[in-house]
Amino acid sequence: MTITLAAALAAARAWTRIYTARMAPAIRDARRSEIESDLWELHEDARRRGASPTRIAVHTLLRLVLGVGDDLLWRAEQLRVRPRVVREALWAGAAASLVFVWWLASMLQAVDRYSAVDGINVVRLLYPLRPVASVPPLPAPPPLSRRQRIKN
């Protein structure tokens, strides 16, 4: 066994330990045994076919990298959520829904005050008009020159 093959196998085992950490011992140990068996079968099958240790290492690393997503999905499937956590999440979701409905109703009332008969004025909803204290008067137009007075 070469250093590259040993490193590839160690990387696969390390990744298995990482994504199975803090799981129920029976599930964790079963998954680690399954991966260990898969690594042994991969190595022995490739060795019998005459593959070089470097080629086996590359194959092992490719399977490791390409299988990370499946490993994480497997881990997500194994999660067990306590009923209390589910109940609290449902209550929090219900409370957030009520707050959203209250906010939406208040916004629709605000829109109703400013809206025209044929629809909602989105510009007024997003940018409500504020009364202006005073508007300065427009400046007087410049006086006409002699040529301009003659033309008119």
C-alpha atoms as a PDB file:
ATOM      1  CA  MET A   1       0.000   0.000   0.000  1.00  0.00           C
ATOM      2  CA  THR A   2       1.403   3.387  -0.983  1.00  0.00           C
ATOM      3  CA  ILE A   3       1.217   6.630   0.922  1.00  0.00           C
ATOM      4  CA  THR A   4      -1.300   8.087  -1.546  1.00  0.00           C
ATOM      5  CA  LEU A   5      -3.647   5.121  -1.151  1.00  0.00           C
ATOM      6  CA  ALA A   6      -3.303   5.190   2.631  1.00  0.00           C
ATOM      7  CA  ALA A   7      -4.047   8.939   2.628  1.00  0.00           C
ATOM      8  CA  ALA A   8      -7.110   8.487   0.387  1.00  0.00           C
ATOM      9  CA  LEU A   9      -8.489   5.744   2.640  1.00  0.00           C
ATOM     10  CA  ALA A  10      -7.771   7.847   5.728  1.00  0.00           C
ATOM     11  CA  ALA A  11      -9.582  10.816   4.160  1.00  0.00           C
ATOM     12  CA  ALA A  12     -12.659   8.680   3.426  1.00  0.00           C
ATOM     13  CA  ARG A  13     -12.669   7.297   6.964  1.00  0.00           C
ATOM     14  CA  ALA A  14     -12.192  10.769   8.453  1.00  0.00           C
ATOM     15  CA  TRP A  15     -15.092  12.170   6.418  1.00  0.00           C
ATOM     16  CA  THR A  16     -17.252   9.263   7.595  1.00  0.00           C
ATOM     17  CA  ARG A  17     -16.369  10.024  11.205  1.00  0.00           C
ATOM     18  CA  ILE A  18     -17.198  13.706  10.682  1.00  0.00           C
ATOM     19  CA  TYR A  19     -20.655  13.314   9.170  1.00  0.00           C
ATOM     20  CA  THR A  20     -21.660  10.507  11.542  1.00  0.00           C
ATOM     21  CA  ALA A  21     -20.482  12.319  14.675  1.00  0.00           C
ATOM     22  CA  ARG A  22     -23.004  12.887  17.477  1.00  0.00           C
ATOM     23  CA  MET A  23     -25.439  10.298  16.163  1.00  0.00           C
ATOM     24  CA  ALA A  24     -27.038   7.398  17.974  1.00  0.00           C
ATOM     25  CA  PRO A  25     -24.283   4.798  18.455  1.00  0.00           C
ATOM     26  CA  ALA A  26     -26.144   2.001  16.657  1.00  0.00           C
ATOM     27  CA  ILE A  27     -26.802   4.092  13.522  1.00  0.00           C
ATOM     28  CA  ARG A  28     -23.336   5.650  13.582  1.00  0.00           C
ATOM     29  CA  ASP A  29     -21.515   2.338  13.937  1.00  0.00           C
ATOM     30  CA  ALA A  30     -23.645   0.673  11.251  1.00  0.00           C
ATOM     31  CA  ARG A  31     -22.861   3.463   8.767  1.00  0.00           C
ATOM     32  CA  ARG A  32     -19.148   3.424   9.581  1.00  0.00           C
ATOM     33  CA  SER A  33     -19.062  -0.361   9.120  1.00  0.00           C
ATOM     34  CA  GLU A  34     -20.912  -0.019   5.815  1.00  0.00           C
ATOM     35  CA  ILE A  35     -18.385   2.545   4.537  1.00  0.00           C
ATOM     36  CA  GLU A  36     -15.449   0.462   5.784  1.00  0.00           C
ATOM     37  CA  SER A  37     -16.820  -2.580   3.946  1.00  0.00           C
ATOM     38  CA  ASP A  38     -17.322  -0.511   0.797  1.00  0.00           C
ATOM     39  CA  LEU A  39     -13.720   0.764   0.958  1.00  0.00           C
ATOM     40  CA  TRP A  40     -12.374  -2.769   1.423  1.00  0.00           C
ATOM     41  CA  GLU A  41     -14.424  -4.118  -1.500  1.00  0.00           C
ATOM     42  CA  LEU A  42     -13.345  -1.228  -3.730  1.00  0.00           C
ATOM     43  CA  HIS A  43      -9.688  -1.789  -2.872  1.00  0.00           C
ATOM     44  CA  GLU A  44      -9.786  -5.574  -3.287  1.00  0.00           C
ATOM     45  CA  ASP A  45     -11.774  -5.480  -6.535  1.00  0.00           C
ATOM     46  CA  ALA A  46      -9.446  -2.902  -8.078  1.00  0.00           C
ATOM     47  CA  ARG A  47      -6.336  -4.778  -6.853  1.00  0.00           C
ATOM     48  CA  ARG A  48      -7.587  -8.045  -8.383  1.00  0.00           C
ATOM     49  CA  ARG A  49      -8.114  -6.281 -11.696  1.00  0.00           C
ATOM     50  CA  GLY A  50      -4.535  -5.044 -11.638  1.00  0.00           C
ATOM     51  CA  ALA A  51      -5.147  -1.356 -10.876  1.00  0.00           C
ATOM     52  CA  SER A  52      -2.212   0.538  -9.450  1.00  0.00           C
ATOM     53  CA  PRO A  53      -2.431   1.872  -5.883  1.00  0.00           C
ATOM     54  CA  THR A  54      -2.378   5.434  -7.250  1.00  0.00           C
ATOM     55  CA  ARG A  55      -5.320   4.671  -9.517  1.00  0.00           C
ATOM     56  CA  ILE A  56      -7.227   3.151  -6.563  1.00  0.00           C
ATOM     57  CA  ALA A  57      -6.423   6.254  -4.497  1.00  0.00           C
ATOM     58  CA  VAL A  58      -7.731   8.580  -7.217  1.00  0.00           C
ATOM     59  CA  HIS A  59     -10.882   6.476  -7.561  1.00  0.00           C
ATOM     60  CA  THR A  60     -11.402   6.530  -3.789  1.00  0.00           C
ATOM     61  CA  LEU A  61     -10.963  10.316  -3.614  1.00  0.00           C
ATOM     62  CA  LEU A  62     -13.343  10.862  -6.540  1.00  0.00           C
ATOM     63  CA  ARG A  63     -15.975   8.712  -4.866  1.00  0.00           C
ATOM     64  CA  LEU A  64     -15.401  10.645  -1.650  1.00  0.00           C
ATOM     65  CA  VAL A  65     -15.835  14.066  -3.283  1.00  0.00           C
ATOM     66  CA  LEU A  66     -18.775  13.050  -5.460  1.00  0.00           C
ATOM     67  CA  GLY A  67     -20.521  11.331  -2.545  1.00  0.00           C
ATOM     68  CA  VAL A  68     -20.439  14.211  -0.065  1.00  0.00           C
ATOM     69  CA  GLY A  69     -23.910  15.402  -1.080  1.00  0.00           C
ATOM     70  CA  ASP A  70     -25.387  11.929  -0.673  1.00  0.00           C
ATOM     71  CA  ASP A  71     -23.702  11.557   2.713  1.00  0.00           C
ATOM     72  CA  LEU A  72     -25.180  14.836   3.927  1.00  0.00           C
ATOM     73  CA  LEU A  73     -28.634  13.848   2.668  1.00  0.00           C
ATOM     74  CA  TRP A  74     -28.308  10.528   4.484  1.00  0.00           C
ATOM     75  CA  ARG A  75     -27.406  12.415   7.653  1.00  0.00           C
ATOM     76  CA  ALA A  76     -30.445  14.693   7.258  1.00  0.00           C
ATOM     77  CA  GLU A  77     -32.703  11.646   6.841  1.00  0.00           C
ATOM     78  CA  GLN A  78     -31.420  10.233  10.132  1.00  0.00           C
ATOM     79  CA  LEU A  79     -32.328  13.304  12.186  1.00  0.00           C
ATOM     80  CA  ARG A  80     -34.838  12.683  14.896  1.00  0.00           C
ATOM     81  CA  VAL A  81     -36.762  15.727  16.097  1.00  0.00           C
ATOM     82  CA  ARG A  82     -38.412  15.750  19.500  1.00  0.00           C
ATOM     83  CA  PRO A  83     -42.184  16.361  19.546  1.00  0.00           C
ATOM     84  CA  ARG A  84     -41.674  19.374  21.831  1.00  0.00           C
ATOM     85  CA  VAL A  85     -39.433  21.023  19.240  1.00  0.00           C
ATOM     86  CA  VAL A  86     -42.005  20.394  16.502  1.00  0.00           C
ATOM     87  CA  ARG A  87     -44.799  21.805  18.687  1.00  0.00           C
ATOM     88  CA  GLU A  88     -42.786  24.953  19.502  1.00  0.00           C
ATOM     89  CA  ALA A  89     -41.906  25.443  15.841  1.00  0.00           C
ATOM     90  CA  LEU A  90     -45.585  25.168  14.894  1.00  0.00           C
ATOM     91  CA  TRP A  91     -46.573  27.750  17.514  1.00  0.00           C
ATOM     92  CA  ALA A  92     -43.811  30.099  16.361  1.00  0.00           C
ATOM     93  CA  GLY A  93     -44.952  29.690  12.754  1.00  0.00           C
ATOM     94  CA  ALA A  94     -48.549  30.396  13.714  1.00  0.00           C
ATOM     95  CA  ALA A  95     -47.539  33.510  15.648  1.00  0.00           C
ATOM     96  CA  ALA A  96     -45.434  34.758  12.741  1.00  0.00           C
ATOM     97  CA  SER A  97     -48.353  34.143  10.372  1.00  0.00           C
ATOM     98  CA  LEU A  98     -50.692  36.167  12.583  1.00  0.00           C
ATOM     99  CA  VAL A  99     -48.215  39.038  12.750  1.00  0.00           C
ATOM    100  CA  PHE A 100     -47.849  38.962   8.972  1.00  0.00           C
ATOM    101  CA  VAL A 101     -51.624  38.977   8.433  1.00  0.00           C
ATOM    102  CA  TRP A 102     -51.990  41.906  10.876  1.00  0.00           C
ATOM    103  CA  TRP A 103     -49.228  43.827   9.071  1.00  0.00           C
ATOM    104  CA  LEU A 104     -50.739  43.077   5.665  1.00  0.00           C
ATOM    105  CA  ALA A 105     -54.203  44.236   6.801  1.00  0.00           C
ATOM    106  CA  SER A 106     -52.777  47.493   8.151  1.00  0.00           C
ATOM    107  CA  MET A 107     -50.899  48.090   4.890  1.00  0.00           C
ATOM    108  CA  LEU A 108     -54.040  47.429   2.854  1.00  0.00           C
ATOM    109  CA  GLN A 109     -55.958  49.929   5.000  1.00  0.00           C
ATOM    110  CA  ALA A 110     -53.224  52.490   4.363  1.00  0.00           C
ATOM    111  CA  VAL A 111     -53.414  51.769   0.648  1.00  0.00           C
ATOM    112  CA  ASP A 112     -57.204  52.059   0.702  1.00  0.00           C
ATOM    113  CA  ARG A 113     -56.934  55.624   2.003  1.00  0.00           C
ATOM    114  CA  TYR A 114     -54.666  56.679  -0.845  1.00  0.00           C
ATOM    115  CA  SER A 115     -55.851  54.441  -3.652  1.00  0.00           C
ATOM    116  CA  ALA A 116     -57.958  55.453  -6.586  1.00  0.00           C
ATOM    117  CA  VAL A 117     -61.184  53.701  -7.472  1.00  0.00           C
ATOM    118  CA  ASP A 118     -59.570  51.594 -10.189  1.00  0.00           C
ATOM    119  CA  GLY A 119     -56.640  50.138  -8.236  1.00  0.00           C
ATOM    120  CA  ILE A 120     -53.750  50.451  -5.828  1.00  0.00           C
ATOM    121  CA  ASN A 121     -51.314  53.292  -6.285  1.00  0.00           C
ATOM    122  CA  VAL A 122     -48.041  51.479  -5.620  1.00  0.00           C
ATOM    123  CA  VAL A 123     -45.965  54.660  -5.779  1.00  0.00           C
ATOM    124  CA  ARG A 124     -47.994  56.216  -2.973  1.00  0.00           C
ATOM    125  CA  LEU A 125     -47.737  53.012  -0.958  1.00  0.00           C
ATOM    126  CA  LEU A 126     -43.952  52.882  -1.247  1.00  0.00           C
ATOM    127  CA  TYR A 127     -43.343  56.629  -1.149  1.00  0.00           C
ATOM    128  CA  PRO A 128     -46.128  58.274   0.868  1.00  0.00           C
ATOM    129  CA  LEU A 129     -46.568  61.991   0.326  1.00  0.00           C
ATOM    130  CA  ARG A 130     -45.650  64.263   3.192  1.00  0.00           C
ATOM    131  CA  PRO A 131     -46.984  67.782   3.448  1.00  0.00           C
ATOM    132  CA  VAL A 132     -44.478  70.421   2.422  1.00  0.00           C
ATOM    133  CA  ALA A 133     -44.130  73.360   4.829  1.00  0.00           C
ATOM    134  CA  SER A 134     -43.749  76.007   2.143  1.00  0.00           C
ATOM    135  CA  VAL A 135     -42.907  76.103  -1.515  1.00  0.00           C
ATOM    136  CA  PRO A 136     -40.696  78.975  -2.674  1.00  0.00           C
ATOM    137  CA  PRO A 137     -42.193  81.102  -5.468  1.00  0.00           C
ATOM    138  CA  LEU A 138     -40.911  80.673  -8.990  1.00  0.00           C
ATOM    139  CA  PRO A 139     -38.327  83.266 -10.096  1.00  0.00           C
ATOM    140  CA  ALA A 140     -39.480  85.996 -12.473  1.00  0.00           C
ATOM    141  CA  PRO A 141     -38.697  85.374 -16.139  1.00  0.00           C
ATOM    142  CA  PRO A 142     -35.766  87.313 -17.551  1.00  0.00           C
ATOM    143  CA  PRO A 143     -36.685  90.509 -19.366  1.00  0.00           C
ATOM    144  CA  LEU A 144     -36.970  90.337 -23.147  1.00  0.00           C
ATOM    145  CA  SER A 145     -34.256  91.921 -25.205  1.00  0.00           C
ATOM    146  CA  ARG A 146     -35.072  94.610 -27.801  1.00  0.00           C
ATOM    147  CA  ARG A 147     -34.890  92.099 -30.693  1.00  0.00           C
ATOM    148  CA  GLN A 148     -37.247  89.679 -28.938  1.00  0.00           C
ATOM    149  CA  ARG A 149     -39.750  92.512 -28.312  1.00  0.00           C
ATOM    150  CA  ILE A 150     -39.637  93.533 -31.989  1.00  0.00           C
ATOM    151  CA  LYS A 151     -40.192  89.927 -33.189  1.00  0.00           C
ATOM    152  CA  ASN A 152     -43.251  89.510 -30.988  1.00  0.00           C
END
